[in-house]
């Protein structure tokens, strides 16, 4: 999968409908999200995100792509998403595995909202 397709694939997970999401997320996927229960696996991860209202827009920045072996892609990026009167920002990672020619599934996803670091007192 070329870089442009990787980023299109990832954006579609934020904005696509629940059926699209279920199609692209593997049954063995592990997720860490910033809301309880925080760690999700398999169908639990798929349903938790499929039941969440989709984002109307998503901006991905600071993206990096790694291909540690044939059929495995790991990405990291900053996401800024919005819908109606809500915005959300997180640093994210996703891992895809290839099932067959041009068929990819998400097997890992993680979101960490920006951390607040107190200013140092001199």
N, C-alpha and C. Protein backbone atom coordinates (compact mmCIF):
# COMPACT_ATOMS: atom_id res chain seq x y z
N UNK A 1 0.86 -1.16 0.00
CA UNK A 1 0.00 0.00 0.00
C UNK A 1 0.91 1.23 0.00
N UNK A 2 0.72 2.12 -0.96
CA UNK A 2 1.56 3.32 -1.01
C UNK A 2 1.14 4.31 0.07
N UNK A 3 1.98 5.32 0.32
CA UNK A 3 1.74 6.27 1.41
C UNK A 3 0.40 6.98 1.30
N UNK A 4 0.03 7.45 0.11
CA UNK A 4 -1.25 8.16 -0.05
C UNK A 4 -2.42 7.25 0.33
N UNK A 5 -2.34 6.02 -0.07
CA UNK A 5 -3.42 5.08 0.27
C UNK A 5 -3.47 4.81 1.78
N UNK A 6 -2.30 4.73 2.42
CA UNK A 6 -2.26 4.54 3.87
C UNK A 6 -3.03 5.65 4.57
N UNK A 7 -2.74 6.90 4.19
CA UNK A 7 -3.40 8.03 4.87
C UNK A 7 -4.89 8.10 4.53
N UNK A 8 -5.27 7.78 3.31
CA UNK A 8 -6.70 7.72 2.96
C UNK A 8 -7.41 6.64 3.75
N UNK A 9 -6.77 5.49 3.89
CA UNK A 9 -7.32 4.37 4.66
C UNK A 9 -7.56 4.81 6.10
N UNK A 10 -6.55 5.45 6.70
CA UNK A 10 -6.67 5.88 8.10
C UNK A 10 -7.75 6.94 8.28
N UNK A 11 -7.79 7.91 7.39
CA UNK A 11 -8.84 8.94 7.49
C UNK A 11 -10.23 8.32 7.40
N UNK A 12 -10.38 7.32 6.55
CA UNK A 12 -11.70 6.70 6.38
C UNK A 12 -12.17 6.02 7.65
N UNK A 13 -11.24 5.60 8.50
CA UNK A 13 -11.63 4.98 9.77
C UNK A 13 -12.23 6.00 10.73
N UNK A 14 -11.85 7.25 10.60
CA UNK A 14 -12.40 8.32 11.44
C UNK A 14 -13.75 8.81 10.93
N UNK A 15 -13.95 8.78 9.62
CA UNK A 15 -15.15 9.41 9.05
C UNK A 15 -16.15 8.43 8.44
N UNK A 16 -15.74 7.21 8.19
CA UNK A 16 -16.61 6.24 7.53
C UNK A 16 -17.74 5.75 8.42
N UNK A 17 -18.74 5.14 7.79
CA UNK A 17 -19.89 4.63 8.55
C UNK A 17 -19.50 3.34 9.28
N UNK A 18 -20.35 2.88 10.21
CA UNK A 18 -20.02 1.69 11.01
C UNK A 18 -19.73 0.44 10.18
N UNK A 19 -20.42 0.24 9.07
CA UNK A 19 -20.14 -0.94 8.23
C UNK A 19 -18.75 -0.87 7.63
N UNK A 20 -18.35 0.32 7.19
CA UNK A 20 -17.01 0.53 6.66
C UNK A 20 -15.97 0.21 7.73
N UNK A 21 -16.22 0.69 8.93
CA UNK A 21 -15.31 0.46 10.04
C UNK A 21 -15.18 -1.03 10.34
N UNK A 22 -16.32 -1.72 10.42
CA UNK A 22 -16.31 -3.16 10.70
C UNK A 22 -15.55 -3.94 9.62
N UNK A 23 -15.61 -3.45 8.39
CA UNK A 23 -14.94 -4.12 7.28
C UNK A 23 -13.42 -4.00 7.39
N UNK A 24 -12.92 -2.88 7.92
CA UNK A 24 -11.49 -2.61 7.92
C UNK A 24 -10.76 -2.97 9.21
N UNK A 25 -11.50 -3.22 10.29
CA UNK A 25 -10.87 -3.54 11.57
C UNK A 25 -10.92 -5.04 11.81
N UNK A 26 -9.77 -5.62 12.08
CA UNK A 26 -9.63 -7.06 12.26
C UNK A 26 -10.28 -7.52 13.57
N UNK A 27 -10.81 -8.73 13.56
CA UNK A 27 -11.41 -9.31 14.77
C UNK A 27 -10.40 -9.44 15.91
N UNK A 28 -9.12 -9.48 15.57
CA UNK A 28 -8.06 -9.62 16.58
C UNK A 28 -7.46 -8.27 16.99
N UNK A 29 -8.05 -7.18 16.56
CA UNK A 29 -7.51 -5.85 16.84
C UNK A 29 -7.47 -5.57 18.35
N UNK A 30 -6.41 -4.90 18.77
CA UNK A 30 -6.30 -4.37 20.13
C UNK A 30 -6.28 -2.86 20.04
N UNK A 31 -7.05 -2.21 20.93
CA UNK A 31 -7.11 -0.75 20.95
C UNK A 31 -6.93 -0.22 22.35
N UNK A 32 -6.31 0.95 22.42
CA UNK A 32 -6.25 1.72 23.66
C UNK A 32 -6.83 3.08 23.34
N UNK A 33 -7.94 3.40 24.01
CA UNK A 33 -8.64 4.67 23.81
C UNK A 33 -8.67 5.44 25.13
N UNK A 34 -8.83 6.76 25.08
CA UNK A 34 -8.75 7.57 26.31
C UNK A 34 -10.05 7.60 27.13
N UNK A 35 -10.93 6.63 26.93
CA UNK A 35 -12.16 6.54 27.72
C UNK A 35 -12.34 5.11 28.21
N UNK A 36 -13.00 4.93 29.35
CA UNK A 36 -13.20 3.57 29.88
C UNK A 36 -13.93 2.70 28.88
N UNK A 37 -13.55 1.46 28.79
CA UNK A 37 -12.64 0.71 29.66
C UNK A 37 -11.17 0.82 29.26
N UNK A 38 -10.81 1.72 28.37
CA UNK A 38 -9.44 2.04 27.94
C UNK A 38 -8.80 0.99 27.04
N UNK A 39 -8.77 -0.26 27.45
CA UNK A 39 -8.16 -1.33 26.64
C UNK A 39 -9.27 -2.21 26.09
N UNK A 40 -9.32 -2.32 24.77
CA UNK A 40 -10.38 -3.06 24.09
C UNK A 40 -9.76 -4.10 23.16
N UNK A 41 -10.44 -5.21 23.01
CA UNK A 41 -9.93 -6.23 22.11
C UNK A 41 -11.04 -6.78 21.23
N UNK A 42 -10.63 -7.29 20.05
CA UNK A 42 -11.54 -7.97 19.15
C UNK A 42 -12.84 -7.24 18.87
N UNK A 43 -13.94 -7.98 18.96
CA UNK A 43 -15.26 -7.43 18.67
C UNK A 43 -15.61 -6.27 19.58
N UNK A 44 -15.11 -6.27 20.81
CA UNK A 44 -15.35 -5.18 21.75
C UNK A 44 -14.81 -3.86 21.17
N UNK A 45 -13.63 -3.90 20.59
CA UNK A 45 -13.03 -2.71 19.99
C UNK A 45 -13.84 -2.26 18.78
N UNK A 46 -14.22 -3.20 17.95
CA UNK A 46 -14.98 -2.88 16.74
C UNK A 46 -16.30 -2.23 17.10
N UNK A 47 -17.04 -2.82 18.02
CA UNK A 47 -18.36 -2.29 18.38
C UNK A 47 -18.26 -0.96 19.13
N UNK A 48 -17.26 -0.80 19.99
CA UNK A 48 -17.11 0.45 20.73
C UNK A 48 -16.94 1.63 19.79
N UNK A 49 -16.12 1.46 18.77
CA UNK A 49 -15.88 2.57 17.85
C UNK A 49 -17.00 2.67 16.82
N UNK A 50 -17.54 1.55 16.37
CA UNK A 50 -18.64 1.58 15.40
C UNK A 50 -19.87 2.27 15.99
N UNK A 51 -20.04 2.18 17.32
CA UNK A 51 -21.19 2.79 17.97
C UNK A 51 -20.96 4.26 18.34
N UNK A 52 -19.79 4.78 18.04
CA UNK A 52 -19.47 6.18 18.34
C UNK A 52 -19.83 7.04 17.13
N UNK A 53 -20.43 8.22 17.35
CA UNK A 53 -20.71 9.09 16.19
C UNK A 53 -19.44 9.37 15.40
N UNK A 54 -19.56 9.33 14.09
CA UNK A 54 -18.40 9.53 13.22
C UNK A 54 -18.01 10.99 13.20
N UNK A 55 -16.75 11.25 12.91
CA UNK A 55 -16.24 12.61 12.80
C UNK A 55 -16.57 13.14 11.41
N UNK A 56 -16.92 14.40 11.33
CA UNK A 56 -17.24 14.99 10.03
C UNK A 56 -15.98 15.43 9.29
N UNK A 57 -14.93 15.76 10.04
CA UNK A 57 -13.66 16.09 9.38
C UNK A 57 -12.50 15.60 10.24
N UNK A 58 -11.41 15.29 9.56
CA UNK A 58 -10.21 14.81 10.24
C UNK A 58 -8.98 15.39 9.54
N UNK A 59 -8.06 15.90 10.32
CA UNK A 59 -6.78 16.40 9.80
C UNK A 59 -5.68 15.58 10.45
N UNK A 60 -4.86 14.94 9.64
CA UNK A 60 -3.73 14.17 10.15
C UNK A 60 -2.45 14.93 9.86
N UNK A 61 -1.58 15.05 10.86
CA UNK A 61 -0.31 15.75 10.67
C UNK A 61 0.80 14.98 11.38
N UNK A 62 2.03 15.40 11.12
CA UNK A 62 3.22 14.79 11.73
C UNK A 62 3.25 13.28 11.49
N UNK A 63 2.75 12.87 10.34
CA UNK A 63 2.64 11.44 10.05
C UNK A 63 3.96 10.76 9.75
N UNK A 64 4.09 9.56 10.25
CA UNK A 64 5.24 8.71 9.96
C UNK A 64 4.72 7.31 9.62
N UNK A 65 5.40 6.67 8.66
CA UNK A 65 5.02 5.32 8.24
C UNK A 65 6.25 4.43 8.32
N UNK A 66 6.05 3.24 8.89
CA UNK A 66 7.11 2.24 8.97
C UNK A 66 6.59 0.94 8.36
N UNK A 67 7.44 0.27 7.64
CA UNK A 67 7.12 -1.03 7.06
C UNK A 67 8.17 -2.04 7.54
N UNK A 68 7.99 -2.54 8.79
CA UNK A 68 9.02 -3.40 9.37
C UNK A 68 9.20 -4.74 8.69
N UNK A 69 8.19 -5.20 7.98
CA UNK A 69 8.30 -6.44 7.21
C UNK A 69 7.20 -6.46 6.16
N UNK A 70 7.33 -7.35 5.21
CA UNK A 70 6.32 -7.49 4.15
C UNK A 70 4.96 -7.76 4.78
N UNK A 71 3.96 -6.99 4.36
CA UNK A 71 2.60 -7.22 4.83
C UNK A 71 2.28 -6.60 6.18
N UNK A 72 3.13 -5.70 6.67
CA UNK A 72 2.90 -5.04 7.96
C UNK A 72 3.23 -3.56 7.83
N UNK A 73 2.30 -2.71 8.22
CA UNK A 73 2.50 -1.26 8.17
C UNK A 73 2.15 -0.69 9.54
N UNK A 74 3.04 0.17 10.06
CA UNK A 74 2.82 0.85 11.33
C UNK A 74 2.85 2.35 11.05
N UNK A 75 1.83 3.08 11.54
CA UNK A 75 1.81 4.52 11.35
C UNK A 75 1.66 5.23 12.69
N UNK A 76 2.15 6.46 12.74
CA UNK A 76 1.99 7.33 13.90
C UNK A 76 1.69 8.72 13.37
N UNK A 77 0.81 9.45 14.09
CA UNK A 77 0.40 10.76 13.60
C UNK A 77 -0.35 11.52 14.69
N UNK A 78 -0.57 12.80 14.43
CA UNK A 78 -1.43 13.63 15.27
C UNK A 78 -2.74 13.81 14.52
N UNK A 79 -3.84 13.60 15.23
CA UNK A 79 -5.18 13.75 14.63
C UNK A 79 -5.90 14.93 15.26
N UNK A 80 -6.56 15.72 14.42
CA UNK A 80 -7.47 16.77 14.87
C UNK A 80 -8.79 16.53 14.16
N UNK A 81 -9.79 16.13 14.95
CA UNK A 81 -11.09 15.75 14.39
C UNK A 81 -12.18 16.70 14.89
N UNK A 82 -13.24 16.83 14.10
CA UNK A 82 -14.37 17.65 14.54
C UNK A 82 -15.68 17.07 14.03
N UNK A 83 -16.74 17.36 14.79
CA UNK A 83 -18.12 17.04 14.42
C UNK A 83 -19.00 18.00 15.19
N UNK A 84 -20.01 18.52 14.53
CA UNK A 84 -20.94 19.50 15.12
C UNK A 84 -20.18 20.48 16.01
N UNK A 85 -20.43 20.51 17.32
CA UNK A 85 -19.77 21.47 18.22
C UNK A 85 -18.66 20.82 19.04
N UNK A 86 -18.06 19.77 18.53
CA UNK A 86 -17.05 19.04 19.27
C UNK A 86 -15.77 18.93 18.47
N UNK A 87 -14.64 19.10 19.16
CA UNK A 87 -13.33 18.87 18.54
C UNK A 87 -12.55 17.90 19.43
N UNK A 88 -11.58 17.25 18.82
CA UNK A 88 -10.81 16.23 19.52
C UNK A 88 -9.41 16.20 18.92
N UNK A 89 -8.41 16.05 19.77
CA UNK A 89 -7.04 15.93 19.30
C UNK A 89 -6.37 14.78 20.03
N UNK A 90 -5.56 14.02 19.33
CA UNK A 90 -4.83 12.91 19.93
C UNK A 90 -3.61 12.56 19.09
N UNK A 91 -2.62 12.00 19.74
CA UNK A 91 -1.50 11.37 19.07
C UNK A 91 -1.86 9.90 18.95
N UNK A 92 -1.71 9.36 17.75
CA UNK A 92 -2.24 8.03 17.47
C UNK A 92 -1.21 7.13 16.81
N UNK A 93 -1.43 5.83 16.97
CA UNK A 93 -0.72 4.83 16.19
C UNK A 93 -1.73 3.81 15.68
N UNK A 94 -1.45 3.25 14.53
CA UNK A 94 -2.24 2.15 13.98
C UNK A 94 -1.28 1.17 13.32
N UNK A 95 -1.65 -0.09 13.35
CA UNK A 95 -0.88 -1.13 12.68
C UNK A 95 -1.83 -1.91 11.77
N UNK A 96 -1.41 -2.10 10.53
CA UNK A 96 -2.20 -2.84 9.55
C UNK A 96 -1.45 -4.11 9.16
N UNK A 97 -2.22 -5.16 8.91
CA UNK A 97 -1.62 -6.36 8.33
C UNK A 97 -2.33 -6.68 7.03
N UNK A 98 -1.59 -7.21 6.09
CA UNK A 98 -2.15 -7.57 4.79
C UNK A 98 -2.68 -8.99 4.88
N UNK A 99 -3.94 -9.17 4.48
CA UNK A 99 -4.55 -10.49 4.46
C UNK A 99 -4.36 -11.16 3.11
N UNK A 100 -4.44 -10.36 2.05
CA UNK A 100 -4.21 -10.84 0.70
C UNK A 100 -3.90 -9.61 -0.15
N UNK A 101 -3.67 -9.80 -1.42
CA UNK A 101 -3.31 -8.68 -2.29
C UNK A 101 -4.33 -7.54 -2.16
N UNK A 102 -3.86 -6.37 -1.71
CA UNK A 102 -4.67 -5.17 -1.56
C UNK A 102 -5.78 -5.27 -0.50
N UNK A 103 -5.76 -6.27 0.36
CA UNK A 103 -6.73 -6.39 1.45
C UNK A 103 -5.98 -6.23 2.77
N UNK A 104 -6.26 -5.11 3.45
CA UNK A 104 -5.58 -4.77 4.69
C UNK A 104 -6.60 -4.63 5.82
N UNK A 105 -6.16 -4.95 7.05
CA UNK A 105 -7.01 -4.80 8.23
C UNK A 105 -6.20 -4.17 9.35
N UNK A 106 -6.87 -3.36 10.17
CA UNK A 106 -6.26 -2.76 11.35
C UNK A 106 -6.17 -3.83 12.44
N UNK A 107 -4.97 -4.01 12.99
CA UNK A 107 -4.80 -4.97 14.08
C UNK A 107 -4.41 -4.28 15.39
N UNK A 108 -4.13 -2.98 15.33
CA UNK A 108 -3.79 -2.22 16.54
C UNK A 108 -4.09 -0.76 16.29
N UNK A 109 -4.66 -0.10 17.31
CA UNK A 109 -4.87 1.35 17.25
C UNK A 109 -4.81 1.90 18.66
N UNK A 110 -4.20 3.07 18.80
CA UNK A 110 -4.03 3.71 20.10
C UNK A 110 -4.22 5.20 19.93
N UNK A 111 -4.85 5.85 20.91
CA UNK A 111 -5.03 7.30 20.91
C UNK A 111 -4.62 7.86 22.27
N UNK A 112 -3.76 8.86 22.25
CA UNK A 112 -3.35 9.55 23.47
C UNK A 112 -3.60 11.04 23.28
N UNK A 113 -4.59 11.61 24.00
CA UNK A 113 -4.77 13.06 23.93
C UNK A 113 -3.51 13.78 24.41
N UNK A 114 -3.31 15.02 23.96
CA UNK A 114 -2.11 15.77 24.40
C UNK A 114 -2.03 15.80 25.92
N UNK A 115 -0.84 15.59 26.42
CA UNK A 115 -0.62 15.60 27.87
C UNK A 115 -0.37 17.03 28.33
N UNK A 116 -0.91 17.36 29.48
CA UNK A 116 -0.66 18.66 30.07
C UNK A 116 0.58 18.56 30.95
N UNK A 117 1.57 19.34 30.63
CA UNK A 117 2.80 19.33 31.41
C UNK A 117 2.91 20.68 32.11
N UNK A 118 2.95 20.68 33.46
CA UNK A 118 3.03 21.95 34.16
C UNK A 118 4.34 22.68 33.83
N UNK A 119 4.23 24.00 33.76
CA UNK A 119 5.42 24.81 33.49
C UNK A 119 6.39 24.68 34.66
N UNK A 120 7.66 24.63 34.34
CA UNK A 120 8.68 24.52 35.38
C UNK A 120 8.78 25.85 36.13
N UNK A 121 8.86 25.76 37.44
CA UNK A 121 9.06 26.98 38.26
C UNK A 121 10.55 27.21 38.44
N UNK A 122 10.97 28.41 38.11
CA UNK A 122 12.42 28.70 38.24
C UNK A 122 12.74 29.13 39.63
